[in-house]
Amino acid sequence: MSSTALVPSLVRPSSRAVSLVADAVLVAIGVALIGLSAQVTFHLPNTPVPFTGQTFAVLLVGGAYGATRGFATMAAYLVVGGLGYGVFAQHASGWDVLKFTSATGGYLVGMLVAATLVGWLADRGWDRRAMRSLPAMILGNVVIYAFGFFWLKHALDVTASQAWTLGVRPFLPGDAVKILLAAGLLPAGWKLVDAVRR
């Protein structure tokens, strides 16, 4: 998996076998990080969707891992949760969480696309400076919102205005903080790596 994102730039195995093991370990670490962050949950009034630390971890993993590993990590996370391991918010699990009738399934599928998009941008150097890292994280979050909004609208059979009120608007302030944190960590990581390499 070739990439110029932060983690792949640091982890450069010398053989194909070691590379596969490194990729598996990185994916496992990413799944664990996303799963743990999903348990940081707050209940907001008047919405069936919990506020979690999940989007922060998804954006960070995508940006740090690059497109291929970001996609593989989020796909593995969805499979692990679908198979019954409680890695979704509030230790939820099972394929029902991902169905089109689930209020939260769209956000999870959106996270798969967002991790890939943010990783793709990181592969092109968008993770190295805050002025580019921030738009990448915003784009990733918009993707999550888009999937979550339309999925929620269908699942609850509500109007677009109601879906916005239930599934997007309450999360904007908290997600802004998560975006700023994720966007700041990647350039800071690159500065540290560059300092060590010197």
C-alpha atoms as a PDB file:
ATOM      1  CA  MET A   1       0.000   0.000   0.000  1.00  0.00           C
ATOM      2  CA  SER A   2       1.957   2.995  -1.247  1.00  0.00           C
ATOM      3  CA  SER A   3       1.220   6.333   0.411  1.00  0.00           C
ATOM      4  CA  THR A   4       2.913   9.592   1.393  1.00  0.00           C
ATOM      5  CA  ALA A   5       0.686  10.163   4.441  1.00  0.00           C
ATOM      6  CA  LEU A   6       2.248  10.446   7.901  1.00  0.00           C
ATOM      7  CA  VAL A   7       2.131   6.856   9.176  1.00  0.00           C
ATOM      8  CA  PRO A   8       3.131   5.164   5.879  1.00  0.00           C
ATOM      9  CA  SER A   9       6.056   7.590   5.643  1.00  0.00           C
ATOM     10  CA  LEU A  10       7.268   6.373   9.027  1.00  0.00           C
ATOM     11  CA  VAL A  11       6.519   2.662   8.612  1.00  0.00           C
ATOM     12  CA  ARG A  12       8.482   1.362   5.636  1.00  0.00           C
ATOM     13  CA  PRO A  13       8.980  -2.396   5.920  1.00  0.00           C
ATOM     14  CA  SER A  14      11.812  -3.960   3.943  1.00  0.00           C
ATOM     15  CA  SER A  15       9.927  -7.000   2.664  1.00  0.00           C
ATOM     16  CA  ARG A  16       6.454  -7.873   1.394  1.00  0.00           C
ATOM     17  CA  ALA A  17       5.759 -10.215   4.312  1.00  0.00           C
ATOM     18  CA  VAL A  18       6.725  -7.614   6.899  1.00  0.00           C
ATOM     19  CA  SER A  19       4.679  -5.031   4.998  1.00  0.00           C
ATOM     20  CA  LEU A  20       1.554  -7.197   5.228  1.00  0.00           C
ATOM     21  CA  VAL A  21       2.077  -7.683   8.965  1.00  0.00           C
ATOM     22  CA  ALA A  22       2.633  -3.936   9.430  1.00  0.00           C
ATOM     23  CA  ASP A  23      -0.542  -3.164   7.487  1.00  0.00           C
ATOM     24  CA  ALA A  24      -2.540  -5.635   9.595  1.00  0.00           C
ATOM     25  CA  VAL A  25      -1.183  -4.129  12.821  1.00  0.00           C
ATOM     26  CA  LEU A  26      -1.924  -0.580  11.657  1.00  0.00           C
ATOM     27  CA  VAL A  27      -5.474  -1.527  10.662  1.00  0.00           C
ATOM     28  CA  ALA A  28      -6.004  -3.239  14.028  1.00  0.00           C
ATOM     29  CA  ILE A  29      -4.732  -0.170  15.885  1.00  0.00           C
ATOM     30  CA  GLY A  30      -7.004   2.064  13.812  1.00  0.00           C
ATOM     31  CA  VAL A  31     -10.037  -0.145  14.458  1.00  0.00           C
ATOM     32  CA  ALA A  32      -9.279  -0.096  18.188  1.00  0.00           C
ATOM     33  CA  LEU A  33      -8.895   3.701  18.199  1.00  0.00           C
ATOM     34  CA  ILE A  34     -12.179   4.240  16.344  1.00  0.00           C
ATOM     35  CA  GLY A  35     -13.951   1.665  18.516  1.00  0.00           C
ATOM     36  CA  LEU A  36     -12.727   3.280  21.736  1.00  0.00           C
ATOM     37  CA  SER A  37     -13.599   6.776  20.538  1.00  0.00           C
ATOM     38  CA  ALA A  38     -17.117   5.574  19.689  1.00  0.00           C
ATOM     39  CA  GLN A  39     -17.633   4.839  23.397  1.00  0.00           C
ATOM     40  CA  VAL A  40     -17.022   8.493  24.300  1.00  0.00           C
ATOM     41  CA  THR A  41     -20.722   9.246  24.031  1.00  0.00           C
ATOM     42  CA  PHE A  42     -22.948  12.138  25.009  1.00  0.00           C
ATOM     43  CA  HIS A  43     -26.702  12.200  24.585  1.00  0.00           C
ATOM     44  CA  LEU A  44     -28.042  15.384  23.076  1.00  0.00           C
ATOM     45  CA  PRO A  45     -31.708  16.266  23.571  1.00  0.00           C
ATOM     46  CA  ASN A  46     -34.216  15.658  20.787  1.00  0.00           C
ATOM     47  CA  THR A  47     -32.032  13.514  18.532  1.00  0.00           C
ATOM     48  CA  PRO A  48     -31.748   9.723  18.144  1.00  0.00           C
ATOM     49  CA  VAL A  49     -28.090  10.089  17.129  1.00  0.00           C
ATOM     50  CA  PRO A  50     -25.502  10.130  19.933  1.00  0.00           C
ATOM     51  CA  PHE A  51     -22.595  12.573  19.932  1.00  0.00           C
ATOM     52  CA  THR A  52     -19.363  10.556  20.011  1.00  0.00           C
ATOM     53  CA  GLY A  53     -15.616  10.945  19.589  1.00  0.00           C
ATOM     54  CA  GLN A  54     -15.853   8.639  16.581  1.00  0.00           C
ATOM     55  CA  THR A  55     -15.660  11.246  13.822  1.00  0.00           C
ATOM     56  CA  PHE A  56     -12.463  12.658  15.324  1.00  0.00           C
ATOM     57  CA  ALA A  57     -10.809   9.237  15.210  1.00  0.00           C
ATOM     58  CA  VAL A  58     -12.090   8.491  11.698  1.00  0.00           C
ATOM     59  CA  LEU A  59     -10.759  11.775  10.280  1.00  0.00           C
ATOM     60  CA  LEU A  60      -7.465  11.382  12.117  1.00  0.00           C
ATOM     61  CA  VAL A  61      -6.975   7.781  10.955  1.00  0.00           C
ATOM     62  CA  GLY A  62      -7.825   8.701   7.368  1.00  0.00           C
ATOM     63  CA  GLY A  63      -5.399  11.616   7.385  1.00  0.00           C
ATOM     64  CA  ALA A  64      -2.610   9.726   9.126  1.00  0.00           C
ATOM     65  CA  TYR A  65      -2.970   6.461   7.192  1.00  0.00           C
ATOM     66  CA  GLY A  66      -3.726   7.607   3.649  1.00  0.00           C
ATOM     67  CA  ALA A  67      -6.563   6.492   1.390  1.00  0.00           C
ATOM     68  CA  THR A  68      -5.907   2.752   1.144  1.00  0.00           C
ATOM     69  CA  ARG A  69      -5.185   2.094   4.811  1.00  0.00           C
ATOM     70  CA  GLY A  70      -7.895   4.553   5.855  1.00  0.00           C
ATOM     71  CA  PHE A  71     -10.455   2.682   3.763  1.00  0.00           C
ATOM     72  CA  ALA A  72      -9.194  -0.720   4.961  1.00  0.00           C
ATOM     73  CA  THR A  73      -9.337   0.386   8.597  1.00  0.00           C
ATOM     74  CA  MET A  74     -12.856   1.771   8.415  1.00  0.00           C
ATOM     75  CA  ALA A  75     -14.077  -1.221   6.390  1.00  0.00           C
ATOM     76  CA  ALA A  76     -12.570  -3.563   8.996  1.00  0.00           C
ATOM     77  CA  TYR A  77     -14.243  -1.549  11.738  1.00  0.00           C
ATOM     78  CA  LEU A  78     -17.646  -1.924  10.080  1.00  0.00           C
ATOM     79  CA  VAL A  79     -17.126  -5.668   9.596  1.00  0.00           C
ATOM     80  CA  VAL A  80     -15.996  -6.152  13.208  1.00  0.00           C
ATOM     81  CA  GLY A  81     -19.066  -4.270  14.444  1.00  0.00           C
ATOM     82  CA  GLY A  82     -21.346  -6.075  12.016  1.00  0.00           C
ATOM     83  CA  LEU A  83     -20.094  -9.445  13.231  1.00  0.00           C
ATOM     84  CA  GLY A  84     -21.274  -8.674  16.735  1.00  0.00           C
ATOM     85  CA  TYR A  85     -18.360  -7.036  18.518  1.00  0.00           C
ATOM     86  CA  GLY A  86     -19.569  -3.931  20.373  1.00  0.00           C
ATOM     87  CA  VAL A  87     -17.340  -1.346  18.692  1.00  0.00           C
ATOM     88  CA  PHE A  88     -20.138   0.979  17.574  1.00  0.00           C
ATOM     89  CA  ALA A  89     -21.413   3.776  19.821  1.00  0.00           C
ATOM     90  CA  GLN A  90     -22.701   2.575  23.191  1.00  0.00           C
ATOM     91  CA  HIS A  91     -21.212  -0.874  22.493  1.00  0.00           C
ATOM     92  CA  ALA A  92     -23.797  -1.485  19.760  1.00  0.00           C
ATOM     93  CA  SER A  93     -23.090  -4.153  17.159  1.00  0.00           C
ATOM     94  CA  GLY A  94     -24.689  -6.231  14.424  1.00  0.00           C
ATOM     95  CA  TRP A  95     -25.612  -5.683  10.802  1.00  0.00           C
ATOM     96  CA  ASP A  96     -28.916  -4.058  11.856  1.00  0.00           C
ATOM     97  CA  VAL A  97     -26.949  -0.946  12.856  1.00  0.00           C
ATOM     98  CA  LEU A  98     -25.886  -0.557   9.219  1.00  0.00           C
ATOM     99  CA  LYS A  99     -29.301  -1.138   7.630  1.00  0.00           C
ATOM    100  CA  PHE A 100     -31.036   1.617   5.681  1.00  0.00           C
ATOM    101  CA  THR A 101     -33.679   1.650   8.414  1.00  0.00           C
ATOM    102  CA  SER A 102     -31.114   2.520  11.099  1.00  0.00           C
ATOM    103  CA  ALA A 103     -30.925   6.118  12.318  1.00  0.00           C
ATOM    104  CA  THR A 104     -27.132   5.903  12.672  1.00  0.00           C
ATOM    105  CA  GLY A 105     -26.139   3.616   9.793  1.00  0.00           C
ATOM    106  CA  GLY A 106     -25.623   6.465   7.352  1.00  0.00           C
ATOM    107  CA  TYR A 107     -23.054   8.120   9.573  1.00  0.00           C
ATOM    108  CA  LEU A 108     -21.063   4.898   9.768  1.00  0.00           C
ATOM    109  CA  VAL A 109     -21.108   4.375   5.990  1.00  0.00           C
ATOM    110  CA  GLY A 110     -20.243   8.049   5.562  1.00  0.00           C
ATOM    111  CA  MET A 111     -17.231   7.526   7.808  1.00  0.00           C
ATOM    112  CA  LEU A 112     -15.942   4.871   5.409  1.00  0.00           C
ATOM    113  CA  VAL A 113     -16.111   7.344   2.518  1.00  0.00           C
ATOM    114  CA  ALA A 114     -14.757  10.209   4.658  1.00  0.00           C
ATOM    115  CA  ALA A 115     -11.715   8.239   5.862  1.00  0.00           C
ATOM    116  CA  THR A 116     -10.917   7.377   2.244  1.00  0.00           C
ATOM    117  CA  LEU A 117     -11.356  10.963   1.040  1.00  0.00           C
ATOM    118  CA  VAL A 118      -9.277  12.493   3.838  1.00  0.00           C
ATOM    119  CA  GLY A 119      -6.642   9.807   3.255  1.00  0.00           C
ATOM    120  CA  TRP A 120      -6.625  10.534  -0.480  1.00  0.00           C
ATOM    121  CA  LEU A 121      -6.027  14.211   0.248  1.00  0.00           C
ATOM    122  CA  ALA A 122      -3.299  13.299   2.768  1.00  0.00           C
ATOM    123  CA  ASP A 123      -1.605  11.211   0.079  1.00  0.00           C
ATOM    124  CA  ARG A 124      -1.370  14.478  -1.863  1.00  0.00           C
ATOM    125  CA  GLY A 125       0.195  16.448   0.991  1.00  0.00           C
ATOM    126  CA  TRP A 126      -2.922  17.999   2.515  1.00  0.00           C
ATOM    127  CA  ASP A 127      -1.974  16.684   5.955  1.00  0.00           C
ATOM    128  CA  ARG A 128       1.276  18.633   6.251  1.00  0.00           C
ATOM    129  CA  ARG A 129       0.007  22.158   6.886  1.00  0.00           C
ATOM    130  CA  ALA A 130      -2.964  23.324   8.934  1.00  0.00           C
ATOM    131  CA  MET A 131      -4.258  25.529   6.116  1.00  0.00           C
ATOM    132  CA  ARG A 132      -4.766  22.433   3.964  1.00  0.00           C
ATOM    133  CA  SER A 133      -5.418  19.906   6.696  1.00  0.00           C
ATOM    134  CA  LEU A 134      -8.398  21.909   7.959  1.00  0.00           C
ATOM    135  CA  PRO A 135     -10.289  21.919   4.614  1.00  0.00           C
ATOM    136  CA  ALA A 136      -9.592  18.180   4.253  1.00  0.00           C
ATOM    137  CA  MET A 137     -11.141  17.493   7.654  1.00  0.00           C
ATOM    138  CA  ILE A 138     -14.115  19.746   6.883  1.00  0.00           C
ATOM    139  CA  LEU A 139     -14.722  17.913   3.607  1.00  0.00           C
ATOM    140  CA  GLY A 140     -14.559  14.578   5.417  1.00  0.00           C
ATOM    141  CA  ASN A 141     -17.068  15.758   7.993  1.00  0.00           C
ATOM    142  CA  VAL A 142     -19.406  17.079   5.286  1.00  0.00           C
ATOM    143  CA  VAL A 143     -19.369  13.606   3.704  1.00  0.00           C
ATOM    144  CA  ILE A 144     -20.333  12.050   7.050  1.00  0.00           C
ATOM    145  CA  TYR A 145     -23.145  14.561   7.457  1.00  0.00           C
ATOM    146  CA  ALA A 146     -24.413  13.980   3.913  1.00  0.00           C
ATOM    147  CA  PHE A 147     -24.689  10.216   4.344  1.00  0.00           C
ATOM    148  CA  GLY A 148     -26.100  10.566   7.850  1.00  0.00           C
ATOM    149  CA  PHE A 149     -28.651  13.183   6.803  1.00  0.00           C
ATOM    150  CA  PHE A 150     -30.135  11.241   3.888  1.00  0.00           C
ATOM    151  CA  TRP A 151     -30.001   7.910   5.727  1.00  0.00           C
ATOM    152  CA  LEU A 152     -31.707   9.412   8.794  1.00  0.00           C
ATOM    153  CA  LYS A 153     -34.341  11.107   6.639  1.00  0.00           C
ATOM    154  CA  HIS A 154     -35.218   7.741   5.081  1.00  0.00           C
ATOM    155  CA  ALA A 155     -34.994   5.728   8.312  1.00  0.00           C
ATOM    156  CA  LEU A 156     -37.313   8.024  10.270  1.00  0.00           C
ATOM    157  CA  ASP A 157     -39.412   9.116   7.287  1.00  0.00           C
ATOM    158  CA  VAL A 158     -39.014  12.800   8.150  1.00  0.00           C
ATOM    159  CA  THR A 159     -38.703  15.983   6.102  1.00  0.00           C
ATOM    160  CA  ALA A 160     -35.354  17.453   5.108  1.00  0.00           C
ATOM    161  CA  SER A 161     -35.808  20.194   7.696  1.00  0.00           C
ATOM    162  CA  GLN A 162     -36.496  17.645  10.419  1.00  0.00           C
ATOM    163  CA  ALA A 163     -33.519  15.519   9.377  1.00  0.00           C
ATOM    164  CA  TRP A 164     -31.305  18.622   9.566  1.00  0.00           C
ATOM    165  CA  THR A 165     -32.623  19.433  13.041  1.00  0.00           C
ATOM    166  CA  LEU A 166     -32.270  15.851  14.270  1.00  0.00           C
ATOM    167  CA  GLY A 167     -29.060  14.751  12.592  1.00  0.00           C
ATOM    168  CA  VAL A 168     -26.840  17.684  11.676  1.00  0.00           C
ATOM    169  CA  ARG A 169     -27.477  20.974  13.449  1.00  0.00           C
ATOM    170  CA  PRO A 170     -26.987  19.737  17.059  1.00  0.00           C
ATOM    171  CA  PHE A 171     -23.581  18.311  16.150  1.00  0.00           C
ATOM    172  CA  LEU A 172     -22.038  21.329  14.419  1.00  0.00           C
ATOM    173  CA  PRO A 173     -20.351  22.968  17.468  1.00  0.00           C
ATOM    174  CA  GLY A 174     -18.863  19.746  18.824  1.00  0.00           C
ATOM    175  CA  ASP A 175     -17.729  18.567  15.413  1.00  0.00           C
ATOM    176  CA  ALA A 176     -16.038  21.919  14.823  1.00  0.00           C
ATOM    177  CA  VAL A 177     -13.861  21.237  17.875  1.00  0.00           C
ATOM    178  CA  LYS A 178     -13.083  17.691  16.683  1.00  0.00           C
ATOM    179  CA  ILE A 179     -12.175  18.979  13.215  1.00  0.00           C
ATOM    180  CA  LEU A 180      -9.807  21.593  14.661  1.00  0.00           C
ATOM    181  CA  LEU A 181      -8.118  18.970  16.852  1.00  0.00           C
ATOM    182  CA  ALA A 182      -7.677  16.474  14.021  1.00  0.00           C
ATOM    183  CA  ALA A 183      -6.528  19.185  11.588  1.00  0.00           C
ATOM    184  CA  GLY A 184      -3.934  20.398  14.083  1.00  0.00           C
ATOM    185  CA  LEU A 185      -2.553  17.011  15.072  1.00  0.00           C
ATOM    186  CA  LEU A 186      -1.407  15.925  11.609  1.00  0.00           C
ATOM    187  CA  PRO A 187       0.755  18.989  10.824  1.00  0.00           C
ATOM    188  CA  ALA A 188       2.109  18.822  14.382  1.00  0.00           C
ATOM    189  CA  GLY A 189       3.030  15.186  13.758  1.00  0.00           C
ATOM    190  CA  TRP A 190       4.857  16.120  10.568  1.00  0.00           C
ATOM    191  CA  LYS A 191       6.789  18.867  12.382  1.00  0.00           C
ATOM    192  CA  LEU A 192       7.883  16.367  14.999  1.00  0.00           C
ATOM    193  CA  VAL A 193       8.927  13.854  12.336  1.00  0.00           C
ATOM    194  CA  ASP A 194      10.855  16.502  10.402  1.00  0.00           C
ATOM    195  CA  ALA A 195      12.608  17.648  13.595  1.00  0.00           C
ATOM    196  CA  VAL A 196      13.648  14.083  14.431  1.00  0.00           C
ATOM    197  CA  ARG A 197      14.865  13.433  10.890  1.00  0.00           C
ATOM    198  CA  ARG A 198      17.101  16.485  11.012  1.00  0.00           C
END
